[in-house]
Amino acid sequence: MAARPRVFDIDCRLAYTLDTPADFVFQLHAHEGPDQALESESVRLTPGVRSHVYTDPYTGQRFLRAQAPAGPLSVRYRARVAVRRPARERNAAEARVSELPDDLLHLLLPTRYCESDLLGSATTKLFGDLPPGVERVEAICDWIHRNVDYRLGSSTPTTTACDTFLNRAGVCRDFAHLAVTFCRALCIPARLAVGYAVFDKPPPDFHAMFEAWVGGRWELFDATRMSDPRGLVRIAVGRDAKDVAFATIYGAARSRAVVPEITRVA
């Protein structure tokens, strides 16, 4: 019997002060796909400014573009989303590189924040002798959870997986980057996944997990162990953080509030 969906209400509020006119590209919209169904949504910008939503033809992810004059700008995104994510396959196997679909090969390569080439030797020493499959990915999560401290303010927007590995501290994005890096160094396709998640602490924020390709499908994992992957309302996936920023700003803008709230209603 198929599991009943988990239904969540999203109420995301952003506020900025613009010193000059600025352009924005937001990623706030819940992604629609086989495991997520959008029941309702709205977006409001105050004051009313020139804006439109477009969909990336390759990923299906939606972006909100806006042009705003100097002064205050507020954005509010609200949605109700049903998430039906299948249970993880306990015996899910890793695929040989020769068996991978063509469009996954780029997710084996190092990227700006995930230097799998530089951490290849360390990865092999830590995980190379473990049996391949979903349990090896879970072992990666276990190692990160045990050895990296979750500490607000311990990293910056330029912190990479190598930095996190050396500093042994970070936030959810850093945990996910390190897990992606370890997976790629083991020839497991992996990518960052960001969205709205339910957790008790820290204060409401966008949450980063990661996905690994095992058992012939993408499986979600949270190396922070702060949230249940079955309840992530996914916004976007990408090679690393540069692909999934919730706001990209072209101009002088100061953030006054970032409050992405999520409530489970069913």
Protein backbone atom coordinates (compact mmCIF):
# COMPACT_ATOMS: atom_id res chain seq x y z
CA MET A 1 0.00 0.00 0.00
CA ALA A 2 1.38 3.41 -0.97
CA ALA A 3 2.20 5.72 1.91
CA ARG A 4 -0.06 8.71 2.43
CA PRO A 5 1.53 11.99 1.38
CA ARG A 6 2.87 14.43 3.92
CA VAL A 7 1.31 17.85 3.37
CA PHE A 8 3.14 21.05 4.24
CA ASP A 9 2.29 24.76 4.25
CA ILE A 10 5.11 27.08 3.19
CA ASP A 11 5.24 30.75 4.20
CA CYS A 12 8.52 32.30 3.06
CA ARG A 13 9.20 36.00 3.68
CA LEU A 14 12.20 37.98 2.45
CA ALA A 15 12.90 41.67 2.97
CA TYR A 16 15.60 43.94 1.52
CA THR A 17 16.68 47.56 1.47
CA LEU A 18 18.01 48.64 -1.92
CA ASP A 19 20.49 51.50 -2.07
CA THR A 20 20.20 51.60 -5.86
CA PRO A 21 17.93 49.87 -8.40
CA ALA A 22 18.66 46.14 -8.49
CA ASP A 23 17.79 42.94 -10.30
CA PHE A 24 16.94 39.71 -8.45
CA VAL A 25 16.71 36.05 -9.39
CA PHE A 26 14.96 34.07 -6.66
CA GLN A 27 14.61 30.30 -6.25
CA LEU A 28 11.69 30.00 -3.83
CA HIS A 29 9.10 27.94 -5.69
CA ALA A 30 8.51 24.35 -4.64
CA HIS A 31 9.61 21.93 -7.33
CA GLU A 32 6.92 19.82 -8.98
CA GLY A 33 7.77 16.21 -9.76
CA PRO A 34 6.95 12.56 -9.10
CA ASP A 35 7.47 12.89 -5.34
CA GLN A 36 6.07 16.42 -4.85
CA ALA A 37 2.65 17.77 -5.84
CA LEU A 38 1.79 21.46 -5.64
CA GLU A 39 -1.73 22.03 -4.29
CA SER A 40 -1.70 25.84 -4.20
CA GLU A 41 0.77 28.72 -4.28
CA SER A 42 1.07 32.49 -4.48
CA VAL A 43 3.85 35.04 -4.62
CA ARG A 44 3.64 38.75 -3.80
CA LEU A 45 6.24 41.48 -4.15
CA THR A 46 5.82 44.76 -2.24
CA PRO A 47 5.88 47.30 -3.72
CA GLY A 48 4.64 45.89 -6.98
CA VAL A 49 7.61 45.69 -9.34
CA ARG A 50 8.30 44.27 -12.76
CA SER A 51 8.66 40.49 -12.34
CA HIS A 52 7.97 37.13 -13.95
CA VAL A 53 8.50 33.43 -13.28
CA TYR A 54 10.30 31.17 -15.72
CA THR A 55 11.12 27.46 -15.76
CA ASP A 56 14.54 26.04 -16.54
CA PRO A 57 13.98 23.70 -19.51
CA TYR A 58 16.56 21.18 -18.30
CA THR A 59 15.83 20.92 -14.56
CA GLY A 60 12.21 22.02 -14.34
CA GLN A 61 13.19 24.39 -11.53
CA ARG A 62 11.37 27.71 -11.39
CA PHE A 63 12.93 31.14 -10.96
CA LEU A 64 11.38 34.49 -10.06
CA ARG A 65 13.01 37.45 -11.80
CA ALA A 66 12.37 40.95 -10.48
CA GLN A 67 13.57 44.50 -11.18
CA ALA A 68 13.19 46.84 -8.23
CA PRO A 69 13.91 50.56 -7.65
CA ALA A 70 15.87 51.87 -4.69
CA GLY A 71 14.04 51.52 -1.39
CA PRO A 72 12.41 48.64 0.48
CA LEU A 73 11.43 45.36 -1.18
CA SER A 74 9.51 42.48 0.36
CA VAL A 75 8.81 39.07 -1.15
CA ARG A 76 6.30 36.57 0.20
CA TYR A 77 5.91 33.07 -1.22
CA ARG A 78 3.15 30.80 0.09
CA ALA A 79 2.32 27.27 -0.97
CA ARG A 80 0.76 23.98 0.08
CA VAL A 81 2.74 20.97 -1.09
CA ALA A 82 2.09 17.23 -0.79
CA VAL A 83 5.27 15.13 -0.53
CA ARG A 84 5.14 11.41 -1.25
CA ARG A 85 8.69 10.10 -1.08
CA PRO A 86 9.20 6.32 -1.21
CA ALA A 87 11.07 4.53 1.54
CA ARG A 88 14.78 4.09 0.93
CA GLU A 89 15.78 0.78 -0.63
CA ARG A 90 17.95 -0.95 1.95
CA ASN A 91 19.82 -2.99 -0.66
CA ALA A 92 20.19 -0.23 -3.26
CA ALA A 93 23.41 -0.80 -5.19
CA GLU A 94 25.91 1.61 -6.65
CA ALA A 95 26.16 1.63 -10.44
CA ARG A 96 29.40 1.13 -12.33
CA VAL A 97 30.47 4.21 -14.24
CA SER A 98 29.91 2.30 -17.49
CA GLU A 99 26.27 1.77 -16.47
CA LEU A 100 25.45 5.38 -15.59
CA PRO A 101 23.09 7.41 -17.80
CA ASP A 102 24.94 9.99 -19.90
CA ASP A 103 23.31 12.93 -18.12
CA LEU A 104 24.74 11.86 -14.74
CA LEU A 105 28.41 11.76 -15.68
CA HIS A 106 28.97 15.45 -14.91
CA LEU A 107 27.88 14.73 -11.32
CA LEU A 108 31.04 12.69 -10.81
CA LEU A 109 33.28 15.69 -11.47
CA PRO A 110 34.78 18.14 -8.97
CA THR A 111 33.15 21.56 -8.80
CA ARG A 112 33.92 24.87 -7.13
CA TYR A 113 32.64 23.81 -3.69
CA CYS A 114 33.08 20.04 -3.99
CA GLU A 115 36.74 19.27 -4.71
CA SER A 116 36.43 15.51 -5.04
CA ASP A 117 39.80 15.34 -6.78
CA LEU A 118 41.59 16.92 -3.81
CA LEU A 119 39.84 14.70 -1.24
CA GLY A 120 40.11 11.51 -3.29
CA SER A 121 42.90 9.94 -1.24
CA ALA A 122 41.27 10.75 2.10
CA THR A 123 37.93 9.41 0.84
CA THR A 124 39.47 6.10 -0.22
CA LYS A 125 41.13 5.68 3.19
CA LEU A 126 37.88 6.42 5.02
CA PHE A 127 35.32 4.60 2.89
CA GLY A 128 37.09 2.67 0.14
CA ASP A 129 36.98 -0.68 1.95
CA LEU A 130 33.26 -0.50 2.76
CA PRO A 131 30.81 -2.58 0.69
CA PRO A 132 29.43 -0.41 -2.13
CA GLY A 133 25.77 0.61 -2.02
CA VAL A 134 23.35 2.70 -0.02
CA GLU A 135 24.96 1.63 3.27
CA ARG A 136 28.25 3.22 2.18
CA VAL A 137 26.44 6.52 1.58
CA GLU A 138 24.87 6.20 5.01
CA ALA A 139 28.35 5.56 6.44
CA ILE A 140 29.46 8.84 4.87
CA CYS A 141 26.60 10.60 6.66
CA ASP A 142 27.54 8.89 9.94
CA TRP A 143 31.17 9.98 9.64
CA ILE A 144 30.28 13.60 8.90
CA HIS A 145 27.74 13.69 11.73
CA ARG A 146 30.33 12.34 14.19
CA ASN A 147 33.32 14.36 13.03
CA VAL A 148 31.96 17.75 11.91
CA ASP A 149 30.36 20.14 14.40
CA TYR A 150 27.22 22.01 13.35
CA ARG A 151 28.16 25.56 14.27
CA LEU A 152 26.47 28.74 13.07
CA GLY A 153 28.95 31.32 11.84
CA SER A 154 31.73 28.78 11.34
CA SER A 155 31.74 29.11 7.55
CA THR A 156 31.29 31.74 4.84
CA PRO A 157 29.72 31.76 1.36
CA THR A 158 33.11 30.76 -0.07
CA THR A 159 33.74 27.78 2.25
CA THR A 160 34.41 24.58 0.30
CA ALA A 161 34.27 20.88 1.16
CA CYS A 162 38.04 20.87 1.71
CA ASP A 163 37.69 23.75 4.17
CA THR A 164 34.99 21.87 6.07
CA PHE A 165 37.04 18.68 6.11
CA LEU A 166 39.99 20.57 7.64
CA ASN A 167 38.01 22.82 10.01
CA ARG A 168 35.56 20.10 11.13
CA ALA A 169 32.75 22.64 11.51
CA GLY A 170 30.04 24.09 9.31
CA VAL A 171 26.33 24.45 8.64
CA CYS A 172 23.95 22.34 6.57
CA ARG A 173 25.33 23.52 3.23
CA ASP A 174 28.86 22.55 4.32
CA PHE A 175 27.74 19.11 5.54
CA ALA A 176 26.02 18.51 2.20
CA HIS A 177 29.02 19.72 0.18
CA LEU A 178 31.35 17.37 2.05
CA ALA A 179 28.99 14.41 1.55
CA VAL A 180 28.66 15.17 -2.17
CA THR A 181 32.44 15.37 -2.43
CA PHE A 182 32.99 12.01 -0.72
CA CYS A 183 30.37 10.38 -2.96
CA ARG A 184 31.88 11.73 -6.16
CA ALA A 185 35.35 10.62 -5.09
CA LEU A 186 33.87 7.09 -4.84
CA CYS A 187 32.28 7.42 -8.33
CA ILE A 188 28.76 7.82 -6.91
CA PRO A 189 26.87 10.62 -8.69
CA ALA A 190 25.77 13.18 -6.10
CA ARG A 191 24.22 16.62 -6.01
CA LEU A 192 23.04 19.28 -3.56
CA ALA A 193 19.31 19.50 -2.76
CA VAL A 194 17.80 22.55 -1.05
CA GLY A 195 14.35 23.33 0.20
CA TYR A 196 12.04 23.87 3.12
CA ALA A 197 12.44 21.43 6.02
CA VAL A 198 10.93 20.92 9.44
CA PHE A 199 13.43 21.01 12.32
CA ASP A 200 13.46 22.32 15.86
CA LYS A 201 16.68 24.31 15.69
CA PRO A 202 18.36 26.50 14.55
CA PRO A 203 15.86 29.25 13.60
CA PRO A 204 13.92 28.82 10.32
CA ASP A 205 16.18 28.83 7.29
CA PHE A 206 16.54 27.14 3.93
CA HIS A 207 17.94 23.65 4.43
CA ALA A 208 20.54 21.81 2.38
CA MET A 209 20.63 18.02 2.00
CA PHE A 210 22.17 15.92 -0.74
CA GLU A 211 21.08 13.26 -3.20
CA ALA A 212 23.10 10.21 -4.24
CA TRP A 213 22.38 7.96 -7.24
CA VAL A 214 21.96 4.45 -5.82
CA GLY A 215 19.62 1.67 -6.84
CA GLY A 216 18.96 3.39 -10.16
CA ARG A 217 17.33 6.47 -8.63
CA TRP A 218 18.07 9.57 -6.56
CA GLU A 219 17.96 9.08 -2.79
CA LEU A 220 17.89 11.98 -0.33
CA PHE A 221 20.19 12.08 2.71
CA ASP A 222 20.71 14.63 5.50
CA ALA A 223 24.21 14.47 6.96
CA THR A 224 23.23 16.94 9.71
CA ARG A 225 20.52 14.52 10.97
CA MET A 226 18.43 17.60 11.74
CA SER A 227 15.51 16.77 9.47
CA ASP A 228 13.77 13.76 7.93
CA PRO A 229 14.58 13.61 4.18
CA ARG A 230 11.06 12.31 3.55
CA GLY A 231 9.74 15.72 4.59
CA LEU A 232 11.97 18.03 2.56
CA VAL A 233 9.93 20.27 0.26
CA ARG A 234 12.51 20.46 -2.48
CA ILE A 235 13.13 23.77 -4.26
CA ALA A 236 16.13 22.92 -6.39
CA VAL A 237 19.00 20.54 -7.01
CA GLY A 238 22.40 21.36 -8.46
CA ARG A 239 26.07 20.53 -8.70
CA ASP A 240 26.81 22.66 -5.64
CA ALA A 241 25.62 25.81 -3.89
CA LYS A 242 26.22 28.10 -6.84
CA ASP A 243 23.38 26.32 -8.71
CA VAL A 244 20.80 26.54 -5.92
CA ALA A 245 21.06 29.97 -4.28
CA PHE A 246 17.67 31.18 -3.04
CA ALA A 247 18.55 34.75 -4.10
CA THR A 248 21.03 36.09 -6.65
CA ILE A 249 21.26 39.88 -6.53
CA TYR A 250 22.65 42.25 -9.16
CA GLY A 251 22.96 45.57 -7.38
CA ALA A 252 23.37 47.08 -3.91
CA ALA A 253 20.84 45.39 -1.61
CA ARG A 254 20.93 44.72 2.13
CA SER A 255 18.99 41.79 3.55
CA ARG A 256 16.64 42.66 6.43
CA ALA A 257 14.82 39.35 6.89
CA VAL A 258 14.95 35.76 5.65
CA VAL A 259 12.13 33.71 7.19
CA PRO A 260 11.27 30.49 5.29
CA GLU A 261 8.68 28.83 7.55
CA ILE A 262 7.21 25.38 7.01
CA THR A 263 4.39 23.63 8.88
CA ARG A 264 3.19 20.08 8.48
CA VAL A 265 -0.62 20.04 8.21
CA ALA A 266 -1.27 16.37 7.31
